[in-house]
Amino acid sequence: MSILTSPRGKVEVVHCRRTESRDIFCIKNLIRKFTQKLFGRLNIIYLLEKANLAITLCNDKEEIMAHATFLDYPNWNVANQEDWVSMFWELDKELQCTPLNTLFMHLFVAVDEYSTGCCKEIIWSVFKAVPELHFIFLIVPAYMSLV
């Protein structure tokens, strides 16, 4: 359990758990126009079926505060699913990412007021749950700004 504080001072006690199929409706409700620009139009059911790891962050009332889906290949078709490593090594020969130590964030949604804290909590939980994980990549279109 962790405590998140919104910029307005509101506090939520949260915990992470594996995503369940019953969460899909709430996850869809957290999708905004910005989410679609950042990750594209996604079929949530298909994405969860293919996910290597899907994490949901809930408050103490079991209301969904955030969700992230991770797969073992890049999104946005930036590289072949089976051979993305060679493309990454062309970009940076020092980068020691492999399919066994790398995940790609294909979706992240959160209650707007808590999005930064939720993202930090989910990332921390993923690295804690998967000790052999060294890298999490977020690939976004070049025209997008995360700021």
C-alpha atoms as a PDB file:
ATOM      1  CA  MET A   1       0.000   0.000   0.000  1.00  0.00           C
ATOM      2  CA  SER A   2       1.084   3.530  -0.788  1.00  0.00           C
ATOM      3  CA  ILE A   3      -0.261   7.016  -0.342  1.00  0.00           C
ATOM      4  CA  LEU A   4      -0.804   9.344  -3.304  1.00  0.00           C
ATOM      5  CA  THR A   5      -1.383  13.063  -2.931  1.00  0.00           C
ATOM      6  CA  SER A   6      -2.981  15.136  -5.673  1.00  0.00           C
ATOM      7  CA  PRO A   7      -1.710  18.646  -6.528  1.00  0.00           C
ATOM      8  CA  ARG A   8      -4.764  19.985  -4.637  1.00  0.00           C
ATOM      9  CA  GLY A   9      -3.828  18.051  -1.493  1.00  0.00           C
ATOM     10  CA  LYS A  10      -6.335  15.200  -1.760  1.00  0.00           C
ATOM     11  CA  VAL A  11      -4.977  11.892  -0.463  1.00  0.00           C
ATOM     12  CA  GLU A  12      -5.648   8.333  -1.672  1.00  0.00           C
ATOM     13  CA  VAL A  13      -4.348   5.067  -0.231  1.00  0.00           C
ATOM     14  CA  VAL A  14      -3.599   2.766  -3.181  1.00  0.00           C
ATOM     15  CA  HIS A  15      -2.387  -0.730  -3.979  1.00  0.00           C
ATOM     16  CA  CYS A  16      -1.396  -2.518  -7.186  1.00  0.00           C
ATOM     17  CA  ARG A  17      -2.752  -5.803  -8.423  1.00  0.00           C
ATOM     18  CA  ARG A  18      -2.873  -7.778 -11.638  1.00  0.00           C
ATOM     19  CA  THR A  19      -5.548  -6.566 -14.027  1.00  0.00           C
ATOM     20  CA  GLU A  20      -8.664  -8.686 -14.339  1.00  0.00           C
ATOM     21  CA  SER A  21     -11.158  -8.854 -17.195  1.00  0.00           C
ATOM     22  CA  ARG A  22     -13.792  -7.223 -14.994  1.00  0.00           C
ATOM     23  CA  ASP A  23     -11.618  -4.058 -14.979  1.00  0.00           C
ATOM     24  CA  ILE A  24     -12.064  -3.401 -18.706  1.00  0.00           C
ATOM     25  CA  PHE A  25     -15.090  -1.094 -18.369  1.00  0.00           C
ATOM     26  CA  CYS A  26     -13.325   1.128 -15.818  1.00  0.00           C
ATOM     27  CA  ILE A  27     -10.116   1.177 -17.872  1.00  0.00           C
ATOM     28  CA  LYS A  28     -12.077   2.303 -20.941  1.00  0.00           C
ATOM     29  CA  ASN A  29     -13.626   5.103 -18.882  1.00  0.00           C
ATOM     30  CA  LEU A  30     -10.150   6.440 -18.051  1.00  0.00           C
ATOM     31  CA  ILE A  31      -9.200   6.810 -21.737  1.00  0.00           C
ATOM     32  CA  ARG A  32      -9.028  10.446 -22.885  1.00  0.00           C
ATOM     33  CA  LYS A  33      -8.289  12.045 -26.291  1.00  0.00           C
ATOM     34  CA  PHE A  34      -4.675  12.505 -25.154  1.00  0.00           C
ATOM     35  CA  THR A  35      -4.470   8.763 -24.381  1.00  0.00           C
ATOM     36  CA  GLN A  36      -5.533   7.908 -27.916  1.00  0.00           C
ATOM     37  CA  LYS A  37      -3.012  10.361 -29.397  1.00  0.00           C
ATOM     38  CA  LEU A  38      -0.254   8.873 -27.240  1.00  0.00           C
ATOM     39  CA  PHE A  39      -1.034   5.165 -27.664  1.00  0.00           C
ATOM     40  CA  GLY A  40      -3.373   5.020 -30.665  1.00  0.00           C
ATOM     41  CA  ARG A  41      -6.835   3.506 -30.813  1.00  0.00           C
ATOM     42  CA  LEU A  42      -6.624   0.261 -28.897  1.00  0.00           C
ATOM     43  CA  ASN A  43      -8.807  -2.769 -28.439  1.00  0.00           C
ATOM     44  CA  ILE A  44      -8.467  -3.152 -24.656  1.00  0.00           C
ATOM     45  CA  ILE A  45      -9.674  -6.762 -24.598  1.00  0.00           C
ATOM     46  CA  TYR A  46      -7.181  -7.806 -27.290  1.00  0.00           C
ATOM     47  CA  LEU A  47      -4.384  -5.858 -25.596  1.00  0.00           C
ATOM     48  CA  LEU A  48      -5.016  -7.552 -22.232  1.00  0.00           C
ATOM     49  CA  GLU A  49      -5.073 -10.980 -23.874  1.00  0.00           C
ATOM     50  CA  LYS A  50      -1.642 -10.328 -25.433  1.00  0.00           C
ATOM     51  CA  ALA A  51      -0.099  -8.566 -22.406  1.00  0.00           C
ATOM     52  CA  ASN A  52       2.947  -9.937 -20.651  1.00  0.00           C
ATOM     53  CA  LEU A  53       1.927  -7.903 -17.629  1.00  0.00           C
ATOM     54  CA  ALA A  54      -1.099  -5.721 -16.882  1.00  0.00           C
ATOM     55  CA  ILE A  55      -1.281  -3.785 -13.623  1.00  0.00           C
ATOM     56  CA  THR A  56      -4.215  -1.980 -12.071  1.00  0.00           C
ATOM     57  CA  LEU A  57      -3.924   0.533  -9.240  1.00  0.00           C
ATOM     58  CA  CYS A  58      -6.906   0.695  -6.878  1.00  0.00           C
ATOM     59  CA  ASN A  59      -7.766   2.903  -3.926  1.00  0.00           C
ATOM     60  CA  ASP A  60      -8.944   1.602  -0.553  1.00  0.00           C
ATOM     61  CA  LYS A  61     -12.552   1.495  -1.870  1.00  0.00           C
ATOM     62  CA  GLU A  62     -11.346  -0.768  -4.730  1.00  0.00           C
ATOM     63  CA  GLU A  63     -12.031   1.995  -7.290  1.00  0.00           C
ATOM     64  CA  ILE A  64      -9.618   1.875 -10.209  1.00  0.00           C
ATOM     65  CA  MET A  65      -7.201   4.808 -10.139  1.00  0.00           C
ATOM     66  CA  ALA A  66      -4.878   3.726 -12.976  1.00  0.00           C
ATOM     67  CA  HIS A  67      -3.907   0.938 -15.319  1.00  0.00           C
ATOM     68  CA  ALA A  68      -0.861   0.031 -17.429  1.00  0.00           C
ATOM     69  CA  THR A  69      -0.341  -2.715 -19.976  1.00  0.00           C
ATOM     70  CA  PHE A  70       3.123  -4.029 -20.876  1.00  0.00           C
ATOM     71  CA  LEU A  71       4.177  -6.238 -23.783  1.00  0.00           C
ATOM     72  CA  ASP A  72       7.549  -7.617 -24.849  1.00  0.00           C
ATOM     73  CA  TYR A  73       7.703  -5.733 -28.161  1.00  0.00           C
ATOM     74  CA  PRO A  74       7.407  -2.068 -29.196  1.00  0.00           C
ATOM     75  CA  ASN A  75       4.121  -0.407 -29.977  1.00  0.00           C
ATOM     76  CA  TRP A  76       3.413   1.880 -32.980  1.00  0.00           C
ATOM     77  CA  ASN A  77       4.960  -0.737 -35.314  1.00  0.00           C
ATOM     78  CA  VAL A  78       8.363   0.927 -34.977  1.00  0.00           C
ATOM     79  CA  ALA A  79      10.060  -2.450 -35.335  1.00  0.00           C
ATOM     80  CA  ASN A  80       9.289  -6.032 -36.223  1.00  0.00           C
ATOM     81  CA  GLN A  81       7.896  -7.823 -33.140  1.00  0.00           C
ATOM     82  CA  GLU A  82      10.423 -10.644 -33.510  1.00  0.00           C
ATOM     83  CA  ASP A  83      13.483  -8.513 -34.286  1.00  0.00           C
ATOM     84  CA  TRP A  84      13.211  -5.200 -32.439  1.00  0.00           C
ATOM     85  CA  VAL A  85      16.498  -5.753 -30.568  1.00  0.00           C
ATOM     86  CA  SER A  86      18.681  -5.232 -33.649  1.00  0.00           C
ATOM     87  CA  MET A  87      16.943  -1.923 -34.374  1.00  0.00           C
ATOM     88  CA  PHE A  88      17.532  -0.748 -30.795  1.00  0.00           C
ATOM     89  CA  TRP A  89      21.199  -1.806 -30.942  1.00  0.00           C
ATOM     90  CA  GLU A  90      21.597   0.221 -34.160  1.00  0.00           C
ATOM     91  CA  LEU A  91      20.409   3.258 -32.203  1.00  0.00           C
ATOM     92  CA  ASP A  92      22.669   2.576 -29.205  1.00  0.00           C
ATOM     93  CA  LYS A  93      25.254  -0.234 -29.150  1.00  0.00           C
ATOM     94  CA  GLU A  94      25.647   0.140 -25.364  1.00  0.00           C
ATOM     95  CA  LEU A  95      21.972  -0.590 -24.712  1.00  0.00           C
ATOM     96  CA  GLN A  96      21.782  -4.075 -23.203  1.00  0.00           C
ATOM     97  CA  CYS A  97      18.066  -4.654 -23.727  1.00  0.00           C
ATOM     98  CA  THR A  98      16.806  -8.100 -24.705  1.00  0.00           C
ATOM     99  CA  PRO A  99      13.355  -9.678 -24.961  1.00  0.00           C
ATOM    100  CA  LEU A 100      14.001 -11.211 -21.517  1.00  0.00           C
ATOM    101  CA  ASN A 101      14.805  -7.970 -19.644  1.00  0.00           C
ATOM    102  CA  THR A 102      12.646  -5.408 -21.458  1.00  0.00           C
ATOM    103  CA  LEU A 103       8.971  -4.477 -21.544  1.00  0.00           C
ATOM    104  CA  PHE A 104       7.139  -1.807 -23.531  1.00  0.00           C
ATOM    105  CA  MET A 105       4.263   0.223 -22.122  1.00  0.00           C
ATOM    106  CA  HIS A 106       1.403  -0.090 -24.605  1.00  0.00           C
ATOM    107  CA  LEU A 107      -1.190   1.700 -22.472  1.00  0.00           C
ATOM    108  CA  PHE A 108      -1.300   3.884 -19.398  1.00  0.00           C
ATOM    109  CA  VAL A 109      -4.459   5.533 -18.078  1.00  0.00           C
ATOM    110  CA  ALA A 110      -5.140   7.190 -14.745  1.00  0.00           C
ATOM    111  CA  VAL A 111      -7.452   9.486 -12.875  1.00  0.00           C
ATOM    112  CA  ASP A 112      -6.167  12.860 -14.110  1.00  0.00           C
ATOM    113  CA  GLU A 113      -5.550  14.340 -10.685  1.00  0.00           C
ATOM    114  CA  TYR A 114      -3.259  11.479  -9.638  1.00  0.00           C
ATOM    115  CA  SER A 115      -1.654  10.486 -12.971  1.00  0.00           C
ATOM    116  CA  THR A 116       1.985  11.226 -12.060  1.00  0.00           C
ATOM    117  CA  GLY A 117       1.830   9.422  -8.716  1.00  0.00           C
ATOM    118  CA  CYS A 118      -0.054   6.508 -10.268  1.00  0.00           C
ATOM    119  CA  CYS A 119       2.543   6.121 -13.010  1.00  0.00           C
ATOM    120  CA  LYS A 120       5.395   6.116 -10.477  1.00  0.00           C
ATOM    121  CA  GLU A 121       3.607   3.553  -8.317  1.00  0.00           C
ATOM    122  CA  ILE A 122       2.888   1.222 -11.248  1.00  0.00           C
ATOM    123  CA  ILE A 123       6.463   1.418 -12.577  1.00  0.00           C
ATOM    124  CA  TRP A 124       7.864   0.726  -9.102  1.00  0.00           C
ATOM    125  CA  SER A 125       5.497  -2.245  -8.723  1.00  0.00           C
ATOM    126  CA  VAL A 126       6.474  -3.687 -12.107  1.00  0.00           C
ATOM    127  CA  PHE A 127      10.193  -3.593 -11.315  1.00  0.00           C
ATOM    128  CA  LYS A 128       9.481  -5.112  -7.903  1.00  0.00           C
ATOM    129  CA  ALA A 129       7.304  -7.896  -9.366  1.00  0.00           C
ATOM    130  CA  VAL A 130       9.755  -8.767 -12.161  1.00  0.00           C
ATOM    131  CA  PRO A 131      13.300  -8.643 -10.728  1.00  0.00           C
ATOM    132  CA  GLU A 132      14.950  -9.639 -14.023  1.00  0.00           C
ATOM    133  CA  LEU A 133      13.401  -6.608 -15.745  1.00  0.00           C
ATOM    134  CA  HIS A 134      15.939  -3.862 -16.526  1.00  0.00           C
ATOM    135  CA  PHE A 135      14.106  -1.659 -19.032  1.00  0.00           C
ATOM    136  CA  ILE A 136      10.620  -0.280 -19.590  1.00  0.00           C
ATOM    137  CA  PHE A 137      10.228   1.717 -22.783  1.00  0.00           C
ATOM    138  CA  LEU A 138       7.467   4.132 -23.687  1.00  0.00           C
ATOM    139  CA  ILE A 139       7.407   4.836 -27.404  1.00  0.00           C
ATOM    140  CA  VAL A 140       5.304   7.787 -28.532  1.00  0.00           C
ATOM    141  CA  PRO A 141       4.846   9.535 -31.880  1.00  0.00           C
ATOM    142  CA  ALA A 142       7.466  12.241 -32.556  1.00  0.00           C
ATOM    143  CA  TYR A 143       4.817  14.970 -32.674  1.00  0.00           C
ATOM    144  CA  MET A 144       3.628  14.199 -29.119  1.00  0.00           C
ATOM    145  CA  SER A 145       4.869  16.000 -26.020  1.00  0.00           C
ATOM    146  CA  LEU A 146       4.585  14.393 -22.607  1.00  0.00           C
ATOM    147  CA  VAL A 147       5.005  17.714 -20.800  1.00  0.00           C
END
